[in-house]
N, C-alpha and C. Protein backbone atom coordinates (compact mmCIF):
# COMPACT_ATOMS: atom_id res chain seq x y z
N MET A 1 -51.75 88.86 -57.03
CA MET A 1 -50.60 89.05 -57.88
C MET A 1 -50.84 90.30 -58.73
N ASP A 2 -49.91 91.22 -58.70
CA ASP A 2 -50.10 92.46 -59.45
C ASP A 2 -49.74 92.28 -60.93
N ILE A 3 -50.06 93.27 -61.73
CA ILE A 3 -49.92 93.18 -63.18
C ILE A 3 -48.45 93.07 -63.61
N SER A 4 -47.56 93.75 -62.89
CA SER A 4 -46.14 93.67 -63.28
C SER A 4 -45.58 92.27 -63.07
N ARG A 5 -46.03 91.60 -62.03
CA ARG A 5 -45.57 90.23 -61.79
C ARG A 5 -46.13 89.30 -62.86
N LYS A 6 -47.38 89.48 -63.27
CA LYS A 6 -47.97 88.66 -64.31
C LYS A 6 -47.26 88.85 -65.64
N LEU A 7 -46.93 90.10 -65.96
CA LEU A 7 -46.19 90.35 -67.21
C LEU A 7 -44.79 89.75 -67.15
N GLY A 8 -44.16 89.79 -65.98
CA GLY A 8 -42.85 89.18 -65.81
C GLY A 8 -42.90 87.67 -66.02
N ILE A 9 -43.96 87.02 -65.57
CA ILE A 9 -44.10 85.59 -65.77
C ILE A 9 -44.29 85.29 -67.26
N LEU A 10 -45.06 86.12 -67.96
CA LEU A 10 -45.24 85.91 -69.39
C LEU A 10 -43.93 86.08 -70.16
N VAL A 11 -43.12 87.07 -69.79
CA VAL A 11 -41.82 87.26 -70.43
C VAL A 11 -40.92 86.07 -70.11
N PHE A 12 -40.96 85.61 -68.87
CA PHE A 12 -40.16 84.45 -68.47
C PHE A 12 -40.54 83.22 -69.27
N CYS A 13 -41.81 83.07 -69.65
CA CYS A 13 -42.26 81.94 -70.44
C CYS A 13 -42.02 82.16 -71.93
N ALA A 14 -41.85 83.38 -72.37
CA ALA A 14 -41.64 83.66 -73.79
C ALA A 14 -40.26 83.20 -74.25
N VAL A 15 -39.26 83.31 -73.39
CA VAL A 15 -37.91 82.89 -73.79
C VAL A 15 -37.85 81.38 -74.04
N PRO A 16 -38.37 80.52 -73.15
CA PRO A 16 -38.38 79.11 -73.47
C PRO A 16 -39.24 78.77 -74.70
N ALA A 17 -40.25 79.59 -74.95
CA ALA A 17 -41.08 79.34 -76.13
C ALA A 17 -40.26 79.53 -77.41
N ILE A 18 -39.46 80.55 -77.45
CA ILE A 18 -38.66 80.84 -78.64
C ILE A 18 -37.53 79.82 -78.77
N VAL A 19 -36.74 79.67 -77.73
CA VAL A 19 -35.58 78.79 -77.77
C VAL A 19 -36.03 77.32 -77.83
N GLY A 20 -36.99 76.96 -76.99
CA GLY A 20 -37.46 75.58 -76.98
C GLY A 20 -38.16 75.19 -78.26
N GLY A 21 -38.86 76.13 -78.87
CA GLY A 21 -39.51 75.86 -80.14
C GLY A 21 -38.49 75.52 -81.23
N GLY A 22 -37.38 76.23 -81.22
CA GLY A 22 -36.31 75.92 -82.17
C GLY A 22 -35.68 74.58 -81.91
N ILE A 23 -35.49 74.25 -80.65
CA ILE A 23 -34.91 72.94 -80.32
C ILE A 23 -35.86 71.81 -80.70
N VAL A 24 -37.14 71.99 -80.41
CA VAL A 24 -38.12 70.94 -80.75
C VAL A 24 -38.19 70.77 -82.27
N TYR A 25 -38.12 71.87 -83.01
CA TYR A 25 -38.15 71.77 -84.48
C TYR A 25 -36.90 71.07 -84.99
N ALA A 26 -35.75 71.35 -84.39
CA ALA A 26 -34.50 70.71 -84.82
C ALA A 26 -34.53 69.21 -84.56
N ILE A 27 -35.17 68.81 -83.46
CA ILE A 27 -35.23 67.39 -83.13
C ILE A 27 -36.20 66.64 -84.04
N PHE A 28 -37.42 67.19 -84.22
CA PHE A 28 -38.45 66.47 -84.94
C PHE A 28 -38.54 66.82 -86.44
N GLY A 29 -38.10 68.02 -86.83
CA GLY A 29 -38.07 68.36 -88.23
C GLY A 29 -39.37 68.85 -88.83
N ASN A 30 -40.43 68.99 -88.04
CA ASN A 30 -41.67 69.60 -88.57
C ASN A 30 -42.32 70.42 -87.47
N TYR A 31 -43.39 71.11 -87.82
CA TYR A 31 -43.98 72.08 -86.90
C TYR A 31 -45.06 71.52 -85.97
N ALA A 32 -45.55 70.32 -86.21
CA ALA A 32 -46.61 69.78 -85.35
C ALA A 32 -46.15 69.65 -83.89
N PRO A 33 -44.97 69.07 -83.62
CA PRO A 33 -44.52 69.01 -82.21
C PRO A 33 -44.25 70.39 -81.62
N VAL A 34 -43.85 71.33 -82.46
CA VAL A 34 -43.61 72.69 -81.96
C VAL A 34 -44.94 73.31 -81.50
N PHE A 35 -46.01 73.12 -82.25
CA PHE A 35 -47.29 73.65 -81.84
C PHE A 35 -47.76 73.02 -80.53
N ILE A 36 -47.55 71.72 -80.39
CA ILE A 36 -47.93 71.04 -79.14
C ILE A 36 -47.12 71.60 -77.99
N TYR A 37 -45.82 71.78 -78.18
CA TYR A 37 -44.95 72.34 -77.14
C TYR A 37 -45.42 73.75 -76.75
N GLU A 38 -45.73 74.56 -77.74
CA GLU A 38 -46.16 75.94 -77.47
C GLU A 38 -47.49 75.97 -76.72
N ILE A 39 -48.42 75.09 -77.09
CA ILE A 39 -49.71 75.04 -76.41
C ILE A 39 -49.53 74.62 -74.96
N LEU A 40 -48.70 73.62 -74.72
CA LEU A 40 -48.44 73.18 -73.33
C LEU A 40 -47.81 74.29 -72.53
N LEU A 41 -46.89 75.02 -73.13
CA LEU A 41 -46.24 76.13 -72.43
C LEU A 41 -47.24 77.24 -72.13
N LEU A 42 -48.14 77.51 -73.04
CA LEU A 42 -49.18 78.52 -72.79
C LEU A 42 -50.11 78.10 -71.65
N LEU A 43 -50.48 76.82 -71.63
CA LEU A 43 -51.35 76.33 -70.55
C LEU A 43 -50.67 76.47 -69.20
N VAL A 44 -49.39 76.18 -69.14
CA VAL A 44 -48.66 76.33 -67.87
C VAL A 44 -48.58 77.79 -67.46
N ALA A 45 -48.29 78.67 -68.44
CA ALA A 45 -48.19 80.10 -68.13
C ALA A 45 -49.53 80.67 -67.64
N PHE A 46 -50.61 80.30 -68.32
CA PHE A 46 -51.92 80.79 -67.89
C PHE A 46 -52.35 80.18 -66.55
N GLY A 47 -51.90 78.97 -66.31
CA GLY A 47 -52.18 78.34 -65.02
C GLY A 47 -51.47 79.07 -63.89
N ILE A 48 -50.25 79.50 -64.12
CA ILE A 48 -49.51 80.25 -63.10
C ILE A 48 -50.14 81.63 -62.90
N ILE A 49 -50.52 82.28 -63.99
CA ILE A 49 -51.09 83.62 -63.89
C ILE A 49 -52.45 83.62 -63.23
N SER A 50 -53.23 82.57 -63.43
CA SER A 50 -54.59 82.55 -62.89
C SER A 50 -54.63 82.40 -61.38
N LYS A 51 -53.54 82.06 -60.77
CA LYS A 51 -53.53 81.90 -59.28
C LYS A 51 -53.64 83.24 -58.61
């Protein structure tokens, strides 16, 4: 996988991080679930990139 494809995957994961983080905060009302959501999203993104 070349570098441009890896960067594209990171950008593709950044949009759900921003929008999803806001949705998770609106549902739960504090930042702890948002951090968990962001960490899970990072693990998935790094898992895809490491292939």
